[in-house]
Amino acid sequence: MPGVHTGTDGVLHLGVPRSEVAGWLVVLLAVAAAGLADLRWGNGALAIACLVVVVVLGGTVVRPVLSAVTAHPEGHLLVRGSLGTARYEMEQIDAVVVAVLGPALGASTWLFRQLDGPRLPVLHGAELVLFGGADVPLPCTHVIPLPPLLRRLDHQVAALQAWLEKGPA
């Protein structure tokens, strides 16, 4: 399964496949090259649009690439992100779900900072639902809503659910 790897020691690793990283790098370089070409030979309007695309797409892709999830058969899960590593015991985790990640819609949401309600489906990703009621996003699973990427997300969620159901070794 892409994005899911089980080591010889039984440890489940989730992350972004190298081929996907290479594909995103090619796309970003192509858009940047188009922007530079427009800056050199055009009027610069396309260059600004390309810069916005590179920054937004690059920011969306970099966070999942720099993070990882490792599920150990002993019953603990490590979530490594750009700001550090968090450890969760299997007994703390109620479920693994797919969540829509993105800005909430509606005027009242923006004015009053309420996070309930429909969301703009910019990203999808897996979340741990803890028994304490907290939702813990797993950054390495964040994908834009394209069918091949959503299939990878489904594989990752299924692998984590199977690890959770299996229980500690």
C-alpha atoms as a PDB file:
ATOM      1  CA  MET A   1       0.000   0.000   0.000  1.00  0.00           C
ATOM      2  CA  PRO A   2       1.383   3.439  -0.806  1.00  0.00           C
ATOM      3  CA  GLY A   3       2.230   5.521   2.238  1.00  0.00           C
ATOM      4  CA  VAL A   4       2.047   2.474   4.554  1.00  0.00           C
ATOM      5  CA  HIS A   5       5.056   0.309   5.373  1.00  0.00           C
ATOM      6  CA  THR A   6       5.441  -2.415   7.977  1.00  0.00           C
ATOM      7  CA  GLY A   7       9.019  -2.986   9.100  1.00  0.00           C
ATOM      8  CA  THR A   8      10.589  -6.351   9.878  1.00  0.00           C
ATOM      9  CA  ASP A   9      10.076  -5.603  13.584  1.00  0.00           C
ATOM     10  CA  GLY A  10       6.303  -5.240  13.068  1.00  0.00           C
ATOM     11  CA  VAL A  11       6.323  -1.441  13.356  1.00  0.00           C
ATOM     12  CA  LEU A  12       3.788   0.290  11.107  1.00  0.00           C
ATOM     13  CA  HIS A  13       5.128   3.436   9.402  1.00  0.00           C
ATOM     14  CA  LEU A  14       2.869   6.010   7.735  1.00  0.00           C
ATOM     15  CA  GLY A  15       4.184   8.794   5.570  1.00  0.00           C
ATOM     16  CA  VAL A  16       4.206  10.345   2.129  1.00  0.00           C
ATOM     17  CA  PRO A  17       5.643   8.002  -0.549  1.00  0.00           C
ATOM     18  CA  ARG A  18       8.902   9.152  -2.168  1.00  0.00           C
ATOM     19  CA  SER A  19       7.342   8.971  -5.636  1.00  0.00           C
ATOM     20  CA  GLU A  20       4.640  11.407  -4.540  1.00  0.00           C
ATOM     21  CA  VAL A  21       7.234  13.780  -3.086  1.00  0.00           C
ATOM     22  CA  ALA A  22       9.120  13.663  -6.390  1.00  0.00           C
ATOM     23  CA  GLY A  23       5.905  14.350  -8.331  1.00  0.00           C
ATOM     24  CA  TRP A  24       5.053  17.388  -6.193  1.00  0.00           C
ATOM     25  CA  LEU A  25       8.617  18.650  -6.570  1.00  0.00           C
ATOM     26  CA  VAL A  26       8.367  18.441 -10.361  1.00  0.00           C
ATOM     27  CA  VAL A  27       5.035  20.305 -10.340  1.00  0.00           C
ATOM     28  CA  LEU A  28       6.406  23.057  -8.074  1.00  0.00           C
ATOM     29  CA  LEU A  29       9.549  23.428 -10.190  1.00  0.00           C
ATOM     30  CA  ALA A  30       7.494  23.605 -13.411  1.00  0.00           C
ATOM     31  CA  VAL A  31       5.210  26.309 -12.000  1.00  0.00           C
ATOM     32  CA  ALA A  32       8.215  28.238 -10.656  1.00  0.00           C
ATOM     33  CA  ALA A  33       9.954  27.977 -14.044  1.00  0.00           C
ATOM     34  CA  ALA A  34       6.835  29.298 -15.797  1.00  0.00           C
ATOM     35  CA  GLY A  35       6.749  32.206 -13.372  1.00  0.00           C
ATOM     36  CA  LEU A  36      10.426  32.994 -13.908  1.00  0.00           C
ATOM     37  CA  ALA A  37       9.987  32.824 -17.687  1.00  0.00           C
ATOM     38  CA  ASP A  38       7.073  35.265 -17.482  1.00  0.00           C
ATOM     39  CA  LEU A  39       9.106  37.541 -15.240  1.00  0.00           C
ATOM     40  CA  ARG A  40      11.921  37.567 -17.808  1.00  0.00           C
ATOM     41  CA  TRP A  41       9.913  37.790 -21.040  1.00  0.00           C
ATOM     42  CA  GLY A  42       6.391  38.770 -20.011  1.00  0.00           C
ATOM     43  CA  ASN A  43       4.731  41.521 -18.022  1.00  0.00           C
ATOM     44  CA  GLY A  44       4.974  39.785 -14.634  1.00  0.00           C
ATOM     45  CA  ALA A  45       1.286  39.065 -14.012  1.00  0.00           C
ATOM     46  CA  LEU A  46       1.732  35.332 -14.571  1.00  0.00           C
ATOM     47  CA  ALA A  47       4.837  35.427 -12.378  1.00  0.00           C
ATOM     48  CA  ILE A  48       2.794  36.697  -9.426  1.00  0.00           C
ATOM     49  CA  ALA A  49       0.138  34.010  -9.980  1.00  0.00           C
ATOM     50  CA  CYS A  50       2.852  31.345 -10.175  1.00  0.00           C
ATOM     51  CA  LEU A  51       4.426  32.628  -6.967  1.00  0.00           C
ATOM     52  CA  VAL A  52       1.074  32.357  -5.172  1.00  0.00           C
ATOM     53  CA  VAL A  53       0.580  28.804  -6.486  1.00  0.00           C
ATOM     54  CA  VAL A  54       4.096  27.746  -5.423  1.00  0.00           C
ATOM     55  CA  VAL A  55       3.694  29.206  -1.934  1.00  0.00           C
ATOM     56  CA  VAL A  56       0.208  27.756  -1.315  1.00  0.00           C
ATOM     57  CA  LEU A  57       0.915  24.349  -2.857  1.00  0.00           C
ATOM     58  CA  GLY A  58       4.369  24.180  -1.306  1.00  0.00           C
ATOM     59  CA  GLY A  59       2.970  24.986   2.118  1.00  0.00           C
ATOM     60  CA  THR A  60       0.303  22.333   1.695  1.00  0.00           C
ATOM     61  CA  VAL A  61       2.814  19.659   0.638  1.00  0.00           C
ATOM     62  CA  VAL A  62       5.716  20.403   3.005  1.00  0.00           C
ATOM     63  CA  ARG A  63       3.919  19.732   6.303  1.00  0.00           C
ATOM     64  CA  PRO A  64       2.918  16.135   5.476  1.00  0.00           C
ATOM     65  CA  VAL A  65       6.385  15.397   4.057  1.00  0.00           C
ATOM     66  CA  LEU A  66       8.095  16.546   7.268  1.00  0.00           C
ATOM     67  CA  SER A  67       5.876  14.448   9.538  1.00  0.00           C
ATOM     68  CA  ALA A  68       5.344  10.736  10.179  1.00  0.00           C
ATOM     69  CA  VAL A  69       3.309   8.301  12.238  1.00  0.00           C
ATOM     70  CA  THR A  70       4.813   5.166  13.737  1.00  0.00           C
ATOM     71  CA  ALA A  71       2.578   2.528  15.349  1.00  0.00           C
ATOM     72  CA  HIS A  72       4.460   0.022  17.505  1.00  0.00           C
ATOM     73  CA  PRO A  73       3.106  -3.490  18.166  1.00  0.00           C
ATOM     74  CA  GLU A  74       3.730  -2.940  21.897  1.00  0.00           C
ATOM     75  CA  GLY A  75       0.743  -0.577  21.892  1.00  0.00           C
ATOM     76  CA  HIS A  76       1.994   2.977  21.443  1.00  0.00           C
ATOM     77  CA  LEU A  77       1.814   5.390  18.550  1.00  0.00           C
ATOM     78  CA  LEU A  78       4.287   8.190  17.817  1.00  0.00           C
ATOM     79  CA  VAL A  79       3.144  11.243  15.862  1.00  0.00           C
ATOM     80  CA  ARG A  80       6.136  13.217  14.601  1.00  0.00           C
ATOM     81  CA  GLY A  81       5.430  16.718  13.346  1.00  0.00           C
ATOM     82  CA  SER A  82       7.422  19.834  12.607  1.00  0.00           C
ATOM     83  CA  LEU A  83       7.089  21.019  16.224  1.00  0.00           C
ATOM     84  CA  GLY A  84       7.940  17.772  17.995  1.00  0.00           C
ATOM     85  CA  THR A  85       6.837  14.227  18.695  1.00  0.00           C
ATOM     86  CA  ALA A  86       3.779  13.121  20.661  1.00  0.00           C
ATOM     87  CA  ARG A  87       3.227   9.642  22.079  1.00  0.00           C
ATOM     88  CA  TYR A  88      -0.213   8.054  22.490  1.00  0.00           C
ATOM     89  CA  GLU A  89      -0.936   4.730  24.133  1.00  0.00           C
ATOM     90  CA  MET A  90      -3.384   2.400  22.421  1.00  0.00           C
ATOM     91  CA  GLU A  91      -5.672   2.616  25.467  1.00  0.00           C
ATOM     92  CA  GLN A  92      -6.062   6.371  24.898  1.00  0.00           C
ATOM     93  CA  ILE A  93      -7.263   6.019  21.279  1.00  0.00           C
ATOM     94  CA  ASP A  94     -10.965   5.484  20.634  1.00  0.00           C
ATOM     95  CA  ALA A  95     -10.943   5.556  16.820  1.00  0.00           C
ATOM     96  CA  VAL A  96      -9.133   6.655  13.676  1.00  0.00           C
ATOM     97  CA  VAL A  97     -11.311   8.689  11.298  1.00  0.00           C
ATOM     98  CA  VAL A  98     -11.031  10.636   8.058  1.00  0.00           C
ATOM     99  CA  ALA A  99     -11.734  14.324   8.614  1.00  0.00           C
ATOM    100  CA  VAL A 100     -12.199  17.301   6.325  1.00  0.00           C
ATOM    101  CA  LEU A 101      -9.581  19.890   7.199  1.00  0.00           C
ATOM    102  CA  GLY A 102     -10.081  23.421   6.044  1.00  0.00           C
ATOM    103  CA  PRO A 103     -11.595  26.741   6.957  1.00  0.00           C
ATOM    104  CA  ALA A 104     -15.136  26.632   8.293  1.00  0.00           C
ATOM    105  CA  LEU A 105     -17.812  28.307   6.179  1.00  0.00           C
ATOM    106  CA  GLY A 106     -20.298  30.962   7.219  1.00  0.00           C
ATOM    107  CA  ALA A 107     -20.170  34.570   8.382  1.00  0.00           C
ATOM    108  CA  SER A 108     -20.850  33.714  12.020  1.00  0.00           C
ATOM    109  CA  THR A 109     -17.917  31.315  11.990  1.00  0.00           C
ATOM    110  CA  TRP A 110     -15.466  33.977  10.886  1.00  0.00           C
ATOM    111  CA  LEU A 111     -16.847  36.590  13.261  1.00  0.00           C
ATOM    112  CA  PHE A 112     -17.158  34.482  16.381  1.00  0.00           C
ATOM    113  CA  ARG A 113     -14.413  31.898  15.725  1.00  0.00           C
ATOM    114  CA  GLN A 114     -16.770  28.948  16.040  1.00  0.00           C
ATOM    115  CA  LEU A 115     -15.301  25.858  14.466  1.00  0.00           C
ATOM    116  CA  ASP A 116     -18.497  23.812  14.178  1.00  0.00           C
ATOM    117  CA  GLY A 117     -20.356  23.582  10.904  1.00  0.00           C
ATOM    118  CA  PRO A 118     -19.481  22.828   7.291  1.00  0.00           C
ATOM    119  CA  ARG A 119     -15.895  23.180   6.138  1.00  0.00           C
ATOM    120  CA  LEU A 120     -14.371  24.111   2.812  1.00  0.00           C
ATOM    121  CA  PRO A 121     -12.878  20.777   1.652  1.00  0.00           C
ATOM    122  CA  VAL A 122      -9.347  22.024   1.009  1.00  0.00           C
ATOM    123  CA  LEU A 123      -7.627  19.087   2.730  1.00  0.00           C
ATOM    124  CA  HIS A 124      -8.579  15.666   4.008  1.00  0.00           C
ATOM    125  CA  GLY A 125      -6.637  13.785   6.646  1.00  0.00           C
ATOM    126  CA  ALA A 126      -6.741  11.156   9.356  1.00  0.00           C
ATOM    127  CA  GLU A 127      -7.410  12.058  12.964  1.00  0.00           C
ATOM    128  CA  LEU A 128      -7.106  10.100  16.165  1.00  0.00           C
ATOM    129  CA  VAL A 129     -10.191  10.388  18.348  1.00  0.00           C
ATOM    130  CA  LEU A 130      -9.114  10.026  21.958  1.00  0.00           C
ATOM    131  CA  PHE A 131     -11.343   8.732  24.745  1.00  0.00           C
ATOM    132  CA  GLY A 132     -10.900  12.110  26.452  1.00  0.00           C
ATOM    133  CA  GLY A 133     -12.739  13.751  23.539  1.00  0.00           C
ATOM    134  CA  ALA A 134      -9.761  15.349  21.792  1.00  0.00           C
ATOM    135  CA  ASP A 135      -9.126  14.999  18.078  1.00  0.00           C
ATOM    136  CA  VAL A 136      -5.457  14.658  17.113  1.00  0.00           C
ATOM    137  CA  PRO A 137      -4.699  15.358  13.436  1.00  0.00           C
ATOM    138  CA  LEU A 138      -2.051  13.227  11.752  1.00  0.00           C
ATOM    139  CA  PRO A 139      -0.193  15.669   9.457  1.00  0.00           C
ATOM    140  CA  CYS A 140       1.517  12.981   7.349  1.00  0.00           C
ATOM    141  CA  THR A 141      -1.918  11.914   6.084  1.00  0.00           C
ATOM    142  CA  HIS A 142      -3.075  15.361   4.897  1.00  0.00           C
ATOM    143  CA  VAL A 143      -3.969  15.310   1.209  1.00  0.00           C
ATOM    144  CA  ILE A 144      -5.726  17.564  -1.257  1.00  0.00           C
ATOM    145  CA  PRO A 145      -8.963  15.942  -2.516  1.00  0.00           C
ATOM    146  CA  LEU A 146      -7.657  14.111  -5.584  1.00  0.00           C
ATOM    147  CA  PRO A 147      -8.781  10.474  -6.070  1.00  0.00           C
ATOM    148  CA  PRO A 148      -5.316   8.810  -5.921  1.00  0.00           C
ATOM    149  CA  LEU A 149      -4.411  10.775  -2.797  1.00  0.00           C
ATOM    150  CA  LEU A 150      -7.750   9.990  -1.148  1.00  0.00           C
ATOM    151  CA  ARG A 151      -7.118   6.284  -1.851  1.00  0.00           C
ATOM    152  CA  ARG A 152      -3.746   6.581  -0.067  1.00  0.00           C
ATOM    153  CA  LEU A 153      -5.499   8.240   2.865  1.00  0.00           C
ATOM    154  CA  ASP A 154      -8.062   5.405   3.008  1.00  0.00           C
ATOM    155  CA  HIS A 155      -5.224   2.819   3.036  1.00  0.00           C
ATOM    156  CA  GLN A 156      -3.475   4.671   5.858  1.00  0.00           C
ATOM    157  CA  VAL A 157      -6.654   4.923   7.947  1.00  0.00           C
ATOM    158  CA  ALA A 158      -7.427   1.217   7.355  1.00  0.00           C
ATOM    159  CA  ALA A 159      -3.895   0.251   8.451  1.00  0.00           C
ATOM    160  CA  LEU A 160      -4.184   2.295  11.648  1.00  0.00           C
ATOM    161  CA  GLN A 161      -7.644   0.870  12.380  1.00  0.00           C
ATOM    162  CA  ALA A 162      -6.284  -2.666  11.929  1.00  0.00           C
ATOM    163  CA  TRP A 163      -3.390  -1.853  14.303  1.00  0.00           C
ATOM    164  CA  LEU A 164      -5.864  -0.492  16.843  1.00  0.00           C
ATOM    165  CA  GLU A 165      -8.166  -3.536  16.587  1.00  0.00           C
ATOM    166  CA  LYS A 166      -5.261  -5.989  16.846  1.00  0.00           C
ATOM    167  CA  GLY A 167      -4.246  -4.678  20.260  1.00  0.00           C
ATOM    168  CA  PRO A 168      -0.830  -4.689  21.896  1.00  0.00           C
ATOM    169  CA  ALA A 169       1.518  -7.621  21.364  1.00  0.00           C
END
